[in-house]
Amino acid sequence: MSSSRPGLRLAACLLNISEARRKYIVENVAKAALLEKNGQKHHEVSVLNIFSDQDYNRSVITIAASVEELGNSILAACVEAFRSIDMEVQEGIHPCLGAVDLIPIYPLSGVRVEECGAVARSLAENLVERVPGCSVFLFGEADLPEKRSLVQRRKQLGWFTRRDFSALEPDLGVAPARRCGLTGIGTSPYVMNCNVTIDSQDLALGQEIASAIRGSNVNGLKGVQTMAFPHEGKIEIACNVESFEEQEVKESSEDSRYMAYSVLGDHFYYTSPHYIEARVKKLASDQGIGTIGRALIGFTPQECKDCAEHAIKEHIGEFWKIRGGVFM
């Protein structure tokens, strides 16, 4: 499944929408990504995975496509999501600001992050045109010239705590409407989502563990952003695992801390999900508690590339049905 088709230029979007409890809405959004304006199926688009979490009331839909088609595909999915999700009545324990909360675009093969940034900016402009009340903030390579990271933008906008949209100032579009909220659009090297559940209901302890492994803290894990949430009666350590470039990092390190991949000859690394789980397990064990398991939300970068190449080569639009979407 790892063989490449000559000239294939692929990118992926991990579309985050603020809905998980109505499965039909999530699947309608996913199916909208696969259709052209005339109702025919896109030949170079596939929905690789759907991950829905009812406690969070949040779904992540992995859309992969040729870089030329991806923007239109995401736009169609977003229009459907905005039609069906109302932030005035949305409830869930995961922070969010928008019905379509986040649209990150990542290069997979034959394309660099700068080109994905251009796709993201064009998508943002088209989205505020198509959806009345839609407003957008930009991050990463889409946020020129500052190129502020998603974490920076979320802190500036109060994403972690805010649900009052009235004072927010978007980069594009009108002041956020209560129904739509505010949508983040941007691009970077691949960011993976990996969650580890500890066998405890102690949120303060979960926050302590999350802080200990957060990449911005001393002895934290490089590229790892963390939060702790109550989840299904336990505490989940939710991790965004960023890719980074660093010459001295070696894939073959003794503790297997880092994994490596490349796009157009650019080499990237990320902290291994197994290593993240091991660190959480050790920190929890030090407090006399265990871990219940680890959930990878979608794919590692290489898995996403391999599945995208296979699905598009074989014209499998609804790849998630073969792989099996995850509905929690």
Protein backbone atom coordinates (compact mmCIF):
# COMPACT_ATOMS: atom_id res chain seq x y z
CA MET A 1 0.00 0.00 0.00
CA SER A 2 3.02 2.29 0.14
CA SER A 3 3.76 2.50 -3.59
CA SER A 4 3.37 6.00 -5.03
CA ARG A 5 1.63 6.95 -8.25
CA PRO A 6 3.91 9.17 -10.33
CA GLY A 7 3.01 12.83 -10.04
CA LEU A 8 0.52 12.33 -7.19
CA ARG A 9 0.36 15.55 -5.15
CA LEU A 10 -1.64 14.91 -2.02
CA ALA A 11 -2.68 16.84 1.06
CA ALA A 12 -5.00 16.05 3.94
CA CYS A 13 -7.43 17.96 6.13
CA LEU A 14 -8.40 16.80 9.62
CA LEU A 15 -11.72 18.63 9.67
CA ASN A 16 -12.92 19.26 13.25
CA ILE A 17 -16.68 19.83 13.59
CA SER A 18 -18.65 20.46 16.77
CA GLU A 19 -21.01 17.50 16.40
CA ALA A 20 -20.77 13.81 17.29
CA ARG A 21 -24.08 12.84 18.87
CA ARG A 22 -26.06 12.88 15.63
CA LYS A 23 -24.20 10.38 13.48
CA TYR A 24 -26.23 11.14 10.35
CA ILE A 25 -25.06 14.77 10.38
CA VAL A 26 -21.41 13.73 10.69
CA GLU A 27 -21.75 11.29 7.80
CA ASN A 28 -23.59 13.86 5.67
CA VAL A 29 -20.67 16.26 6.16
CA ALA A 30 -18.23 13.52 5.17
CA LYS A 31 -20.24 12.58 2.08
CA ALA A 32 -20.50 16.23 0.99
CA ALA A 33 -16.69 16.31 0.72
CA LEU A 34 -16.85 13.64 -1.98
CA LEU A 35 -19.20 15.42 -4.39
CA GLU A 36 -18.51 17.96 -7.12
CA LYS A 37 -20.91 20.84 -7.76
CA ASN A 38 -22.75 18.76 -10.38
CA GLY A 39 -23.35 15.98 -7.89
CA GLN A 40 -20.77 13.63 -9.42
CA LYS A 41 -18.16 12.03 -7.21
CA HIS A 42 -14.68 13.52 -7.03
CA HIS A 43 -12.15 11.04 -8.45
CA GLU A 44 -9.25 12.34 -6.41
CA VAL A 45 -10.88 12.77 -3.00
CA SER A 46 -11.34 10.24 -0.20
CA VAL A 47 -12.66 10.43 3.34
CA LEU A 48 -10.15 8.21 5.09
CA ASN A 49 -11.52 8.24 8.62
CA ILE A 50 -14.24 9.55 10.91
CA PHE A 51 -13.62 9.79 14.64
CA SER A 52 -16.56 10.94 16.76
CA ASP A 53 -16.60 11.40 20.51
CA GLN A 54 -19.96 11.92 22.18
CA ASP A 55 -18.61 13.30 25.47
CA TYR A 56 -16.64 15.90 23.54
CA ASN A 57 -19.47 16.29 20.99
CA ARG A 58 -16.72 16.65 18.40
CA SER A 59 -15.81 14.75 15.26
CA VAL A 60 -12.61 14.66 13.25
CA ILE A 61 -13.11 13.83 9.57
CA THR A 62 -9.92 13.00 7.66
CA ILE A 63 -10.23 14.16 4.04
CA ALA A 64 -7.40 13.42 1.60
CA ALA A 65 -7.22 14.68 -1.96
CA SER A 66 -5.03 16.00 -4.71
CA VAL A 67 -3.95 19.46 -3.61
CA GLU A 68 -5.83 20.96 -6.57
CA GLU A 69 -9.15 19.42 -5.40
CA LEU A 70 -8.83 19.59 -1.64
CA GLY A 71 -10.03 23.17 -1.16
CA ASN A 72 -13.32 22.62 -3.01
CA SER A 73 -13.87 19.34 -1.18
CA ILE A 74 -13.40 20.93 2.25
CA LEU A 75 -15.62 23.86 1.24
CA ALA A 76 -18.50 21.51 0.36
CA ALA A 77 -18.13 19.67 3.67
CA CYS A 78 -18.09 22.95 5.61
CA VAL A 79 -21.21 24.29 3.89
CA GLU A 80 -23.05 21.13 4.95
CA ALA A 81 -21.70 21.38 8.51
CA PHE A 82 -22.75 25.01 8.91
CA ARG A 83 -26.20 24.13 7.59
CA SER A 84 -26.66 21.42 10.22
CA ILE A 85 -24.82 22.57 13.38
CA ASP A 86 -25.99 25.45 15.58
CA MET A 87 -23.48 26.75 18.13
CA GLU A 88 -26.25 28.40 20.13
CA VAL A 89 -27.41 24.97 21.31
CA GLN A 90 -24.17 22.97 21.00
CA GLU A 91 -22.94 21.30 24.20
CA GLY A 92 -19.79 19.29 24.88
CA ILE A 93 -16.84 19.20 27.26
CA HIS A 94 -14.23 19.91 24.57
CA PRO A 95 -13.40 23.60 24.00
CA CYS A 96 -14.65 24.98 20.69
CA LEU A 97 -15.53 28.28 19.08
CA GLY A 98 -17.14 27.21 15.81
CA ALA A 99 -19.65 24.81 14.28
CA VAL A 100 -16.71 24.04 12.02
CA ASP A 101 -14.09 24.56 14.69
CA LEU A 102 -10.83 23.79 12.93
CA ILE A 103 -9.62 23.22 9.36
CA PRO A 104 -5.94 22.22 9.40
CA ILE A 105 -4.37 21.25 6.06
CA TYR A 106 -1.22 19.09 5.92
CA PRO A 107 1.04 18.10 3.00
CA LEU A 108 1.29 14.34 2.38
CA SER A 109 3.25 13.86 -0.84
CA GLY A 110 4.53 15.96 -3.73
CA VAL A 111 3.52 19.26 -2.14
CA ARG A 112 5.07 21.58 0.43
CA VAL A 113 3.45 23.32 3.38
CA GLU A 114 3.67 26.72 1.63
CA GLU A 115 1.38 25.54 -1.19
CA CYS A 116 -1.03 24.14 1.38
CA GLY A 117 -0.99 27.58 2.98
CA ALA A 118 -2.18 29.10 -0.30
CA VAL A 119 -4.98 26.51 -0.46
CA ALA A 120 -6.00 27.39 3.11
CA ARG A 121 -6.11 31.13 2.41
CA SER A 122 -8.20 30.62 -0.73
CA LEU A 123 -10.55 28.31 1.19
CA ALA A 124 -10.98 30.91 3.94
CA GLU A 125 -11.96 33.57 1.40
CA ASN A 126 -14.43 31.24 -0.33
CA LEU A 127 -15.94 30.09 2.95
CA VAL A 128 -16.83 33.57 4.23
CA GLU A 129 -18.36 34.28 0.81
CA ARG A 130 -20.46 31.10 0.74
CA VAL A 131 -21.68 30.98 4.36
CA PRO A 132 -23.45 34.08 5.78
CA GLY A 133 -22.23 34.76 9.32
CA CYS A 134 -19.07 32.67 8.91
CA SER A 135 -15.87 34.20 10.26
CA VAL A 136 -12.32 32.89 10.20
CA PHE A 137 -9.00 33.17 11.98
CA LEU A 138 -5.81 32.02 10.24
CA PHE A 139 -2.80 30.18 11.61
CA GLY A 140 0.48 28.67 10.46
CA GLU A 141 1.46 29.14 6.82
CA ALA A 142 -1.98 30.61 6.07
CA ASP A 143 -1.35 33.46 8.54
CA LEU A 144 0.93 35.77 6.57
CA PRO A 145 3.26 37.37 7.33
CA GLU A 146 3.28 36.45 11.05
CA LYS A 147 2.73 32.69 10.62
CA ARG A 148 1.42 32.44 14.18
CA SER A 149 0.91 28.90 15.44
CA LEU A 150 -2.49 27.42 16.24
CA VAL A 151 -1.66 27.47 19.96
CA GLN A 152 -0.77 31.18 19.78
CA ARG A 153 -3.99 32.03 17.98
CA ARG A 154 -6.12 29.97 20.35
CA LYS A 155 -4.62 31.73 23.36
CA GLN A 156 -5.20 35.13 21.77
CA LEU A 157 -8.84 34.29 21.04
CA GLY A 158 -9.63 32.58 24.35
CA TRP A 159 -10.45 29.29 22.62
CA PHE A 160 -9.76 27.32 25.80
CA THR A 161 -12.40 29.12 27.86
CA ARG A 162 -14.56 31.43 25.74
CA ARG A 163 -18.04 30.80 24.39
CA ASP A 164 -19.08 34.49 24.05
CA PHE A 165 -18.37 35.33 20.41
CA SER A 166 -19.41 38.98 20.46
CA ALA A 167 -15.99 40.49 21.23
CA LEU A 168 -13.97 38.29 18.86
CA GLU A 169 -12.27 39.90 15.88
CA PRO A 170 -11.85 37.53 12.92
CA ASP A 171 -9.16 37.76 10.24
CA LEU A 172 -11.82 37.27 7.55
CA GLY A 173 -15.58 37.66 7.56
CA VAL A 174 -17.98 39.55 9.77
CA ALA A 175 -18.14 39.49 13.55
CA PRO A 176 -18.91 35.85 14.49
CA ALA A 177 -22.60 34.94 14.37
CA ARG A 178 -23.85 32.91 17.32
CA ARG A 179 -24.96 30.06 15.08
CA CYS A 180 -21.66 29.71 13.19
CA GLY A 181 -19.08 30.81 15.73
CA LEU A 182 -15.45 31.24 14.69
CA THR A 183 -13.48 28.84 12.46
CA GLY A 184 -9.71 28.32 12.44
CA ILE A 185 -8.08 27.64 9.05
CA GLY A 186 -4.38 27.04 8.53
CA THR A 187 -1.60 24.69 7.65
CA SER A 188 1.59 23.20 9.05
CA PRO A 189 3.49 19.95 8.87
CA TYR A 190 1.27 17.06 9.98
CA VAL A 191 -0.26 17.21 13.46
CA MET A 192 -1.44 13.92 14.94
CA ASN A 193 -3.99 13.50 17.75
CA CYS A 194 -3.22 10.94 20.45
CA ASN A 195 -5.20 10.54 23.69
CA VAL A 196 -4.29 8.47 26.77
CA THR A 197 -6.86 7.66 29.47
CA ILE A 198 -5.83 7.35 33.11
CA ASP A 199 -7.82 5.24 35.58
CA SER A 200 -8.85 8.15 37.76
CA GLN A 201 -11.55 10.79 38.10
CA ASP A 202 -9.11 13.34 39.54
CA LEU A 203 -9.00 16.18 37.00
CA ALA A 204 -6.29 18.04 38.93
CA LEU A 205 -4.05 14.97 38.69
CA GLY A 206 -4.79 14.69 34.97
CA GLN A 207 -3.85 18.34 34.51
CA GLU A 208 -0.61 17.75 36.41
CA ILE A 209 0.30 14.83 34.11
CA ALA A 210 -0.69 16.83 31.02
CA SER A 211 1.54 19.70 32.16
CA ALA A 212 4.47 17.35 32.81
CA ILE A 213 4.55 16.07 29.21
CA ARG A 214 3.64 19.37 27.50
CA GLY A 215 6.42 20.33 25.09
CA SER A 216 6.62 23.92 26.31
CA ASN A 217 7.55 22.80 29.82
CA VAL A 218 10.91 21.63 31.19
CA ASN A 219 11.38 17.90 30.45
CA GLY A 220 8.24 17.91 28.33
CA LEU A 221 7.91 16.00 25.06
CA LYS A 222 8.96 17.97 21.99
CA GLY A 223 6.06 19.07 19.82
CA VAL A 224 3.39 17.75 22.20
CA GLN A 225 0.48 20.01 23.23
CA THR A 226 -1.75 18.66 26.00
CA MET A 227 -5.01 19.15 27.88
CA ALA A 228 -6.86 16.96 30.41
CA PHE A 229 -10.62 16.34 30.23
CA PRO A 230 -13.21 14.27 32.11
CA HIS A 231 -14.14 11.50 29.69
CA GLU A 232 -16.46 8.52 30.13
CA GLY A 233 -16.05 8.61 33.89
CA LYS A 234 -12.25 8.81 33.77
CA ILE A 235 -9.66 11.45 32.81
CA GLU A 236 -8.25 11.66 29.31
CA ILE A 237 -4.92 13.27 28.47
CA ALA A 238 -5.54 14.73 25.01
CA CYS A 239 -2.40 15.38 22.95
CA ASN A 240 -1.77 17.24 19.72
CA VAL A 241 1.50 15.82 18.39
CA GLU A 242 3.24 18.27 16.07
CA SER A 243 5.82 17.41 13.42
CA PHE A 244 9.09 19.31 13.51
CA GLU A 245 12.39 19.56 11.65
CA GLU A 246 15.58 18.99 13.63
CA GLN A 247 18.88 17.73 12.32
CA GLU A 248 20.15 16.07 15.49
CA VAL A 249 17.06 13.95 16.08
CA LYS A 250 17.55 10.34 15.06
CA GLU A 251 14.73 7.93 14.30
CA SER A 252 16.82 5.07 15.69
CA SER A 253 17.19 6.61 19.16
CA GLU A 254 17.46 3.98 21.88
CA ASP A 255 14.15 4.83 23.53
CA SER A 256 12.30 5.06 20.17
CA ARG A 257 11.13 8.50 21.21
CA TYR A 258 10.86 9.91 17.70
CA MET A 259 9.43 8.71 14.41
CA ALA A 260 10.49 10.14 11.05
CA TYR A 261 8.96 10.75 7.64
CA SER A 262 9.70 12.96 4.64
CA VAL A 263 7.79 15.07 2.11
CA LEU A 264 9.60 16.17 -1.06
CA GLY A 265 12.93 15.51 0.59
CA ASP A 266 12.12 17.57 3.71
CA HIS A 267 12.58 15.43 6.82
CA PHE A 268 10.18 15.66 9.75
CA TYR A 269 9.99 14.02 13.15
CA TYR A 270 7.30 13.55 15.77
CA THR A 271 7.12 12.03 19.22
CA SER A 272 5.98 8.42 19.05
CA PRO A 273 2.46 7.67 20.38
CA HIS A 274 3.94 4.65 22.17
CA TYR A 275 6.46 6.89 23.93
CA ILE A 276 3.71 9.35 24.91
CA GLU A 277 1.67 6.50 26.37
CA ALA A 278 4.71 5.18 28.25
CA ARG A 279 5.40 8.60 29.78
CA VAL A 280 1.79 9.04 30.88
CA LYS A 281 1.77 5.51 32.27
CA LYS A 282 4.94 6.20 34.31
CA LEU A 283 3.63 9.50 35.67
CA ALA A 284 0.29 7.93 36.59
CA SER A 285 2.03 4.93 38.18
CA ASP A 286 4.08 7.31 40.33
CA GLN A 287 0.73 8.46 41.77
CA GLY A 288 -0.49 4.89 42.32
CA ILE A 289 -2.91 4.73 39.39
CA GLY A 290 -2.93 2.94 36.05
CA THR A 291 -3.81 3.77 32.46
CA ILE A 292 -6.71 2.31 30.52
CA GLY A 293 -5.58 2.75 26.94
CA ARG A 294 -4.47 4.98 24.09
CA ALA A 295 -6.51 6.25 21.15
CA LEU A 296 -4.91 7.51 17.94
CA ILE A 297 -7.38 9.85 16.25
CA GLY A 298 -6.91 8.82 12.65
CA PHE A 299 -3.38 8.14 11.44
CA THR A 300 0.31 8.74 11.81
CA PRO A 301 1.68 10.89 8.93
CA GLN A 302 2.99 7.89 7.01
CA GLU A 303 -0.23 5.92 7.51
CA CYS A 304 -2.26 8.87 6.24
CA LYS A 305 -0.08 9.16 3.13
CA ASP A 306 -0.24 5.41 2.42
CA CYS A 307 -4.02 5.22 2.88
CA ALA A 308 -4.56 8.34 0.77
CA GLU A 309 -2.48 6.99 -2.10
CA HIS A 310 -4.29 3.66 -2.03
CA ALA A 311 -7.79 5.13 -1.70
CA ILE A 312 -7.34 7.66 -4.49
CA LYS A 313 -5.59 5.21 -6.81
CA GLU A 314 -8.49 2.76 -6.37
CA HIS A 315 -11.17 5.51 -6.38
CA ILE A 316 -12.41 4.59 -2.90
CA GLY A 317 -14.20 7.72 -1.75
CA GLU A 318 -15.74 6.27 1.41
CA PHE A 319 -12.54 4.66 2.65
CA TRP A 320 -13.67 5.15 6.24
CA LYS A 321 -16.36 2.49 5.72
CA ILE A 322 -13.71 -0.06 4.77
CA ARG A 323 -11.36 0.97 7.55
CA GLY A 324 -14.19 1.38 10.05
CA GLY A 325 -14.89 4.82 11.48
CA VAL A 326 -14.77 5.20 15.24
CA PHE A 327 -17.91 6.41 16.99
CA MET A 328 -17.54 6.65 20.78
